[in-house]
């Protein structure tokens, strides 16, 4: 297949390499013209994925119309804050094939609308099959060919199976799902809990507390999903508990690292200024907290993360307040 990958961060570049290894013809679009030129010259993404050569037949381009022309599938791997503008720019090119499948590998929610990433794409570009892919995927591990598993989700099951076949390889197993809403909520919400896990690490706490955060975090994720009519069992799968575990424990997790730095005394803008890639948990925490408060969804971990990020709450105080919440039975509270 002819496939365009939009966004040359570490995950977008990794996706392009994976698809190329699977025998597809790949074009990689990068918004930053300077970075696109450097990648073309050096045949490597030295900023986001150093050490992994880009084959000569992967076209890297700054021109969106060149990237998407004649593509059978377009894979969006851009930050959530830029998804709508990217989709609008794609539509404006007029180069999108009528039958192209539109795929999102991005993890986040649009703040104003609470739309998922495929929701944003579909809102801008109608009439195309939409597929969301999510799961526990550390980009560098995928790039190295280490065994990884992910989910391809769509209300159009033929589209989900097509993308399953496109990405499937001996080192990259793909399942399908008909719950793209739940799949994408899992991928977005886990970043909030990962910030809390990083705070746990930065304060020098242990595995007991981190395990509790992960366990109670999945409860919050299911509560939020239920309000939006996502399927509860989706959060027990790869895009829920699977992705949550990876993001909370991996040394490569930017959201976990952000929480760790905050717990060590740095302020949010200082930490964000030191990061090369986007920590999606920051805008997602704001979006989810505001919605949960307005709609009466009990999300205590999310509320404390929001407090640390935006209200000057001390990380240590946040932990104490979580621990001293009203007494209640575990099962009933979930």
Protein backbone atom coordinates (compact mmCIF):
# COMPACT_ATOMS: atom_id res chain seq x y z
CA UNK A 1 0.00 0.00 0.00
CA UNK A 2 0.92 3.65 -0.39
CA UNK A 3 0.93 5.14 3.11
CA UNK A 4 1.47 8.70 4.31
CA UNK A 5 2.62 9.23 7.90
CA UNK A 6 1.92 12.74 9.18
CA UNK A 7 4.26 13.82 11.97
CA UNK A 8 7.93 12.92 12.33
CA UNK A 9 8.28 12.79 16.09
CA UNK A 10 9.70 9.63 17.64
CA UNK A 11 6.44 7.67 17.24
CA UNK A 12 5.70 8.95 13.72
CA UNK A 13 9.22 8.15 12.54
CA UNK A 14 8.98 4.72 14.17
CA UNK A 15 5.65 4.07 12.43
CA UNK A 16 7.21 4.96 9.09
CA UNK A 17 10.08 2.52 9.72
CA UNK A 18 7.68 -0.24 10.78
CA UNK A 19 5.46 0.21 7.72
CA UNK A 20 8.49 0.28 5.42
CA UNK A 21 9.75 -2.99 6.94
CA UNK A 22 6.34 -4.47 6.19
CA UNK A 23 6.86 -3.74 2.49
CA UNK A 24 4.71 -0.63 2.09
CA UNK A 25 5.61 2.53 0.16
CA UNK A 26 5.94 5.21 2.81
CA UNK A 27 6.01 9.00 2.75
CA UNK A 28 6.76 10.86 5.98
CA UNK A 29 5.49 14.44 6.39
CA UNK A 30 7.08 16.85 8.85
CA UNK A 31 5.64 20.31 9.55
CA UNK A 32 9.05 21.75 10.44
CA UNK A 33 10.76 22.38 7.12
CA UNK A 34 14.23 22.51 8.68
CA UNK A 35 13.79 19.16 10.39
CA UNK A 36 12.44 17.60 7.19
CA UNK A 37 15.50 18.83 5.30
CA UNK A 38 17.86 17.51 7.98
CA UNK A 39 16.19 14.11 7.92
CA UNK A 40 16.46 14.00 4.14
CA UNK A 41 20.14 14.95 4.26
CA UNK A 42 21.22 12.69 7.11
CA UNK A 43 18.68 9.88 6.54
CA UNK A 44 18.04 9.89 10.29
CA UNK A 45 15.78 11.73 12.72
CA UNK A 46 18.57 12.97 14.97
CA UNK A 47 16.20 15.10 17.07
CA UNK A 48 13.49 12.58 17.97
CA UNK A 49 14.79 9.09 17.06
CA UNK A 50 18.58 9.10 16.78
CA UNK A 51 20.37 5.92 15.87
CA UNK A 52 17.77 4.51 13.46
CA UNK A 53 18.64 5.05 9.77
CA UNK A 54 15.85 6.03 7.39
CA UNK A 55 15.87 3.96 4.18
CA UNK A 56 16.41 5.98 1.03
CA UNK A 57 12.99 5.06 -0.37
CA UNK A 58 11.10 6.67 2.54
CA UNK A 59 10.30 10.12 1.18
CA UNK A 60 10.56 12.81 3.87
CA UNK A 61 8.76 15.99 2.87
CA UNK A 62 7.51 19.29 4.24
CA UNK A 63 4.86 19.52 1.50
CA UNK A 64 1.64 17.92 2.73
CA UNK A 65 0.09 17.43 -0.70
CA UNK A 66 3.17 15.51 -1.87
CA UNK A 67 2.95 13.23 1.16
CA UNK A 68 -0.72 12.29 0.82
CA UNK A 69 -1.06 12.10 -2.97
CA UNK A 70 -2.20 8.60 -4.06
CA UNK A 71 -2.10 7.30 -0.47
CA UNK A 72 -4.28 4.33 0.45
CA UNK A 73 -3.96 5.23 4.14
CA UNK A 74 -3.00 8.38 5.99
CA UNK A 75 -1.58 7.88 9.50
CA UNK A 76 -1.81 10.89 11.83
CA UNK A 77 0.91 11.03 14.50
CA UNK A 78 0.77 14.67 15.57
CA UNK A 79 0.19 16.21 19.04
CA UNK A 80 -3.48 16.46 19.96
CA UNK A 81 -3.32 20.26 20.07
CA UNK A 82 -2.36 20.29 16.38
CA UNK A 83 -4.71 17.57 15.13
CA UNK A 84 -7.53 19.83 13.95
CA UNK A 85 -5.20 22.18 12.07
CA UNK A 86 -3.40 19.23 10.48
CA UNK A 87 -6.71 17.72 9.36
CA UNK A 88 -7.84 21.09 7.98
CA UNK A 89 -4.58 21.49 6.08
CA UNK A 90 -4.94 17.99 4.66
CA UNK A 91 -8.48 18.70 3.51
CA UNK A 92 -7.38 21.96 1.89
CA UNK A 93 -4.74 20.20 -0.23
CA UNK A 94 -7.45 18.44 -2.23
CA UNK A 95 -4.94 15.62 -2.69
CA UNK A 96 -6.59 13.04 -0.44
CA UNK A 97 -7.77 9.92 -2.27
CA UNK A 98 -11.50 9.25 -2.00
CA UNK A 99 -11.05 5.76 -0.53
CA UNK A 100 -8.15 6.52 1.81
CA UNK A 101 -8.38 5.14 5.35
CA UNK A 102 -7.56 7.75 7.99
CA UNK A 103 -5.70 6.40 11.01
CA UNK A 104 -4.80 8.08 14.30
CA UNK A 105 -1.83 6.99 16.40
CA UNK A 106 -2.05 10.16 18.52
CA UNK A 107 -3.13 10.05 22.17
CA UNK A 108 -5.13 12.93 23.58
CA UNK A 109 -8.45 14.77 23.63
CA UNK A 110 -9.44 18.07 22.08
CA UNK A 111 -9.92 20.47 24.97
CA UNK A 112 -12.84 22.52 23.67
CA UNK A 113 -14.96 19.64 22.38
CA UNK A 114 -13.70 16.59 24.33
CA UNK A 115 -13.47 14.84 20.95
CA UNK A 116 -11.07 11.95 20.46
CA UNK A 117 -8.50 12.28 17.71
CA UNK A 118 -10.54 10.28 15.18
CA UNK A 119 -13.48 12.42 16.27
CA UNK A 120 -11.55 15.53 15.32
CA UNK A 121 -10.40 14.04 12.01
CA UNK A 122 -13.94 12.92 11.15
CA UNK A 123 -15.33 16.32 12.11
CA UNK A 124 -13.02 17.97 9.59
CA UNK A 125 -12.84 15.31 6.88
CA UNK A 126 -16.03 13.35 6.40
CA UNK A 127 -16.68 10.32 4.27
CA UNK A 128 -13.56 8.27 5.09
CA UNK A 129 -13.11 5.16 7.24
CA UNK A 130 -11.55 6.14 10.58
CA UNK A 131 -9.28 3.87 12.61
CA UNK A 132 -7.68 4.49 16.00
CA UNK A 133 -4.58 2.58 17.10
CA UNK A 134 -3.46 2.52 20.71
CA UNK A 135 -1.64 0.32 23.18
CA UNK A 136 1.56 0.00 25.21
CA UNK A 137 4.08 1.23 22.65
CA UNK A 138 7.43 2.75 23.59
CA UNK A 139 8.66 4.06 20.23
CA UNK A 140 12.31 3.11 20.65
CA UNK A 141 11.36 -0.48 21.50
CA UNK A 142 9.20 -0.74 18.39
CA UNK A 143 12.00 0.77 16.30
CA UNK A 144 14.37 -1.87 17.67
CA UNK A 145 11.96 -4.63 16.67
CA UNK A 146 11.13 -5.72 20.22
CA UNK A 147 7.80 -7.58 20.62
CA UNK A 148 4.92 -5.11 20.94
CA UNK A 149 1.13 -5.43 20.86
CA UNK A 150 -1.46 -2.80 19.94
CA UNK A 151 -5.15 -2.46 19.03
CA UNK A 152 -6.72 -1.30 15.75
CA UNK A 153 -10.20 0.04 16.52
CA UNK A 154 -12.98 1.29 14.28
CA UNK A 155 -16.75 1.27 13.89
CA UNK A 156 -15.89 0.01 10.38
CA UNK A 157 -14.54 -3.46 11.09
CA UNK A 158 -13.25 -3.96 7.55
CA UNK A 159 -11.12 -0.83 7.95
CA UNK A 160 -9.88 -2.06 11.34
CA UNK A 161 -8.86 -5.40 9.81
CA UNK A 162 -7.18 -3.70 6.85
CA UNK A 163 -5.02 -1.60 9.16
CA UNK A 164 -4.39 -4.68 11.29
CA UNK A 165 -2.92 -6.38 8.22
CA UNK A 166 -0.93 -3.27 7.25
CA UNK A 167 0.86 -3.01 10.61
CA UNK A 168 1.06 -6.67 11.63
CA UNK A 169 4.55 -8.22 11.74
CA UNK A 170 6.44 -10.90 13.69
CA UNK A 171 7.42 -8.24 16.25
CA UNK A 172 4.26 -6.10 16.13
CA UNK A 173 1.01 -7.90 16.91
CA UNK A 174 -2.26 -6.08 16.20
CA UNK A 175 -5.69 -6.91 17.63
CA UNK A 176 -8.96 -5.35 16.46
CA UNK A 177 -11.75 -3.67 18.40
CA UNK A 178 -15.09 -2.07 17.61
CA UNK A 179 -14.75 0.44 20.48
CA UNK A 180 -12.59 3.27 19.11
CA UNK A 181 -13.95 5.62 21.77
CA UNK A 182 -12.77 3.41 24.65
CA UNK A 183 -9.47 2.67 22.92
CA UNK A 184 -8.70 6.37 22.58
CA UNK A 185 -9.91 7.32 26.05
CA UNK A 186 -7.54 4.72 27.48
CA UNK A 187 -4.64 6.17 25.52
CA UNK A 188 -5.42 9.69 26.71
CA UNK A 189 -6.38 9.13 30.34
CA UNK A 190 -3.41 6.94 31.23
CA UNK A 191 -1.11 9.94 30.76
CA UNK A 192 -2.72 11.68 33.75
CA UNK A 193 -2.09 8.68 35.98
CA UNK A 194 1.49 8.47 34.66
CA UNK A 195 2.14 12.00 35.95
CA UNK A 196 0.96 10.81 39.37
CA UNK A 197 3.27 7.78 39.07
CA UNK A 198 6.16 10.12 38.32
CA UNK A 199 5.32 12.17 41.40
CA UNK A 200 5.45 8.91 43.34
CA UNK A 201 8.94 8.25 42.01
CA UNK A 202 10.15 11.80 42.55
CA UNK A 203 9.08 11.72 46.19
CA UNK A 204 11.01 8.48 46.69
CA UNK A 205 7.99 6.30 47.36
CA UNK A 206 7.98 2.63 46.43
CA UNK A 207 6.18 -0.03 44.45
CA UNK A 208 3.34 -0.31 46.95
CA UNK A 209 2.14 3.20 46.24
CA UNK A 210 2.75 2.96 42.50
CA UNK A 211 0.75 -0.26 42.29
CA UNK A 212 -2.08 1.46 44.15
CA UNK A 213 -1.97 4.39 41.71
CA UNK A 214 -2.16 2.06 38.72
CA UNK A 215 -5.01 0.03 40.23
CA UNK A 216 -7.08 3.00 41.34
CA UNK A 217 -6.17 4.84 38.16
CA UNK A 218 -7.87 2.24 35.98
CA UNK A 219 -10.98 2.66 38.14
CA UNK A 220 -11.01 6.38 37.32
CA UNK A 221 -10.48 5.67 33.64
CA UNK A 222 -13.46 3.29 33.58
CA UNK A 223 -15.66 5.81 35.40
CA UNK A 224 -14.85 8.48 32.87
CA UNK A 225 -15.38 6.09 29.96
CA UNK A 226 -18.76 5.00 31.31
CA UNK A 227 -20.06 8.59 31.25
CA UNK A 228 -19.14 8.81 27.56
CA UNK A 229 -20.54 5.32 26.74
CA UNK A 230 -17.24 3.56 26.15
CA UNK A 231 -17.23 -0.16 26.89
CA UNK A 232 -15.89 -0.94 30.42
CA UNK A 233 -14.03 -4.06 29.27
CA UNK A 234 -11.95 -1.99 26.85
CA UNK A 235 -10.12 -0.47 29.82
CA UNK A 236 -9.06 -3.95 30.95
CA UNK A 237 -7.21 -4.45 27.68
CA UNK A 238 -4.07 -3.28 25.92
CA UNK A 239 -5.13 0.35 25.45
CA UNK A 240 -6.27 0.59 29.08
CA UNK A 241 -4.41 -1.30 31.77
CA UNK A 242 -1.67 -2.35 29.32
CA UNK A 243 -0.79 1.16 28.21
CA UNK A 244 -1.25 2.45 31.75
CA UNK A 245 1.33 0.05 33.19
CA UNK A 246 3.88 0.87 30.49
CA UNK A 247 3.48 4.63 30.86
CA UNK A 248 3.69 4.49 34.66
CA UNK A 249 6.85 2.37 34.85
CA UNK A 250 8.91 3.10 31.71
CA UNK A 251 11.97 5.32 31.93
CA UNK A 252 11.04 6.56 28.45
CA UNK A 253 7.63 7.88 29.54
CA UNK A 254 7.65 11.65 29.21
CA UNK A 255 4.53 12.03 31.40
CA UNK A 256 6.04 9.94 34.20
CA UNK A 257 9.25 11.95 33.93
CA UNK A 258 7.33 15.22 34.11
CA UNK A 259 5.69 14.14 37.37
CA UNK A 260 9.04 13.05 38.75
CA UNK A 261 10.61 16.44 38.04
CA UNK A 262 7.67 18.28 39.60
CA UNK A 263 8.04 16.20 42.76
CA UNK A 264 11.71 17.20 42.92
CA UNK A 265 10.72 20.86 43.14
CA UNK A 266 10.70 22.14 39.57
CA UNK A 267 7.76 24.21 38.27
CA UNK A 268 5.65 23.06 35.33
CA UNK A 269 6.91 25.56 32.74
CA UNK A 270 10.50 24.77 33.65
CA UNK A 271 9.95 21.06 33.09
CA UNK A 272 8.04 21.58 29.84
CA UNK A 273 10.82 23.86 28.59
CA UNK A 274 13.35 21.07 29.10
CA UNK A 275 11.34 18.50 27.14
CA UNK A 276 11.84 17.89 23.43
CA UNK A 277 8.54 16.05 22.99
CA UNK A 278 5.00 16.86 24.13
CA UNK A 279 3.69 15.56 27.48
CA UNK A 280 0.06 14.99 26.50
CA UNK A 281 -0.96 14.38 30.12
CA UNK A 282 -0.78 18.11 30.92
CA UNK A 283 -3.57 19.36 28.60
CA UNK A 284 -5.49 16.11 29.10
CA UNK A 285 -5.50 16.59 32.88
CA UNK A 286 -7.08 20.01 32.44
CA UNK A 287 -9.69 18.76 29.98
CA UNK A 288 -10.65 15.69 32.00
CA UNK A 289 -10.68 17.43 35.37
CA UNK A 290 -12.98 20.19 34.15
CA UNK A 291 -15.37 17.69 32.57
CA UNK A 292 -15.36 15.37 35.58
CA UNK A 293 -16.05 18.22 37.97
CA UNK A 294 -18.92 19.54 35.83
CA UNK A 295 -20.45 16.09 35.39
CA UNK A 296 -19.92 14.69 38.87
CA UNK A 297 -17.40 11.98 37.97
CA UNK A 298 -15.32 10.98 41.01
CA UNK A 299 -11.67 11.13 39.86
CA UNK A 300 -9.54 11.90 42.92
CA UNK A 301 -6.14 11.11 41.36
CA UNK A 302 -6.93 13.29 38.36
CA UNK A 303 -8.07 16.10 40.67
CA UNK A 304 -4.80 16.03 42.60
CA UNK A 305 -2.71 15.93 39.42
CA UNK A 306 -4.66 18.96 38.19
CA UNK A 307 -3.99 20.68 41.50
CA UNK A 308 -0.25 20.07 41.23
CA UNK A 309 -0.12 21.19 37.59
CA UNK A 310 -2.33 24.26 37.70
CA UNK A 311 -3.10 25.29 41.28
CA UNK A 312 0.25 25.18 43.03
CA UNK A 313 -0.63 22.15 45.16
CA UNK A 314 2.43 20.57 46.73
CA UNK A 315 3.04 17.02 45.40
CA UNK A 316 3.55 15.72 48.95
CA UNK A 317 0.35 17.38 50.14
CA UNK A 318 -1.51 15.88 47.19
CA UNK A 319 -0.42 12.38 48.22
CA UNK A 320 -1.43 12.98 51.85
CA UNK A 321 -4.85 14.23 50.80
CA UNK A 322 -5.37 11.17 48.60
CA UNK A 323 -4.41 8.84 51.43
CA UNK A 324 -6.70 10.53 53.92
CA UNK A 325 -9.87 10.58 51.83
CA UNK A 326 -13.07 9.29 53.43
CA UNK A 327 -13.03 5.62 54.37
CA UNK A 328 -14.93 3.37 51.97
CA UNK A 329 -15.07 -0.24 50.71
CA UNK A 330 -12.96 -0.95 47.65
CA UNK A 331 -15.60 -2.70 45.53
CA UNK A 332 -18.42 -0.26 46.23
CA UNK A 333 -16.25 2.77 45.40
CA UNK A 334 -15.43 1.45 41.93
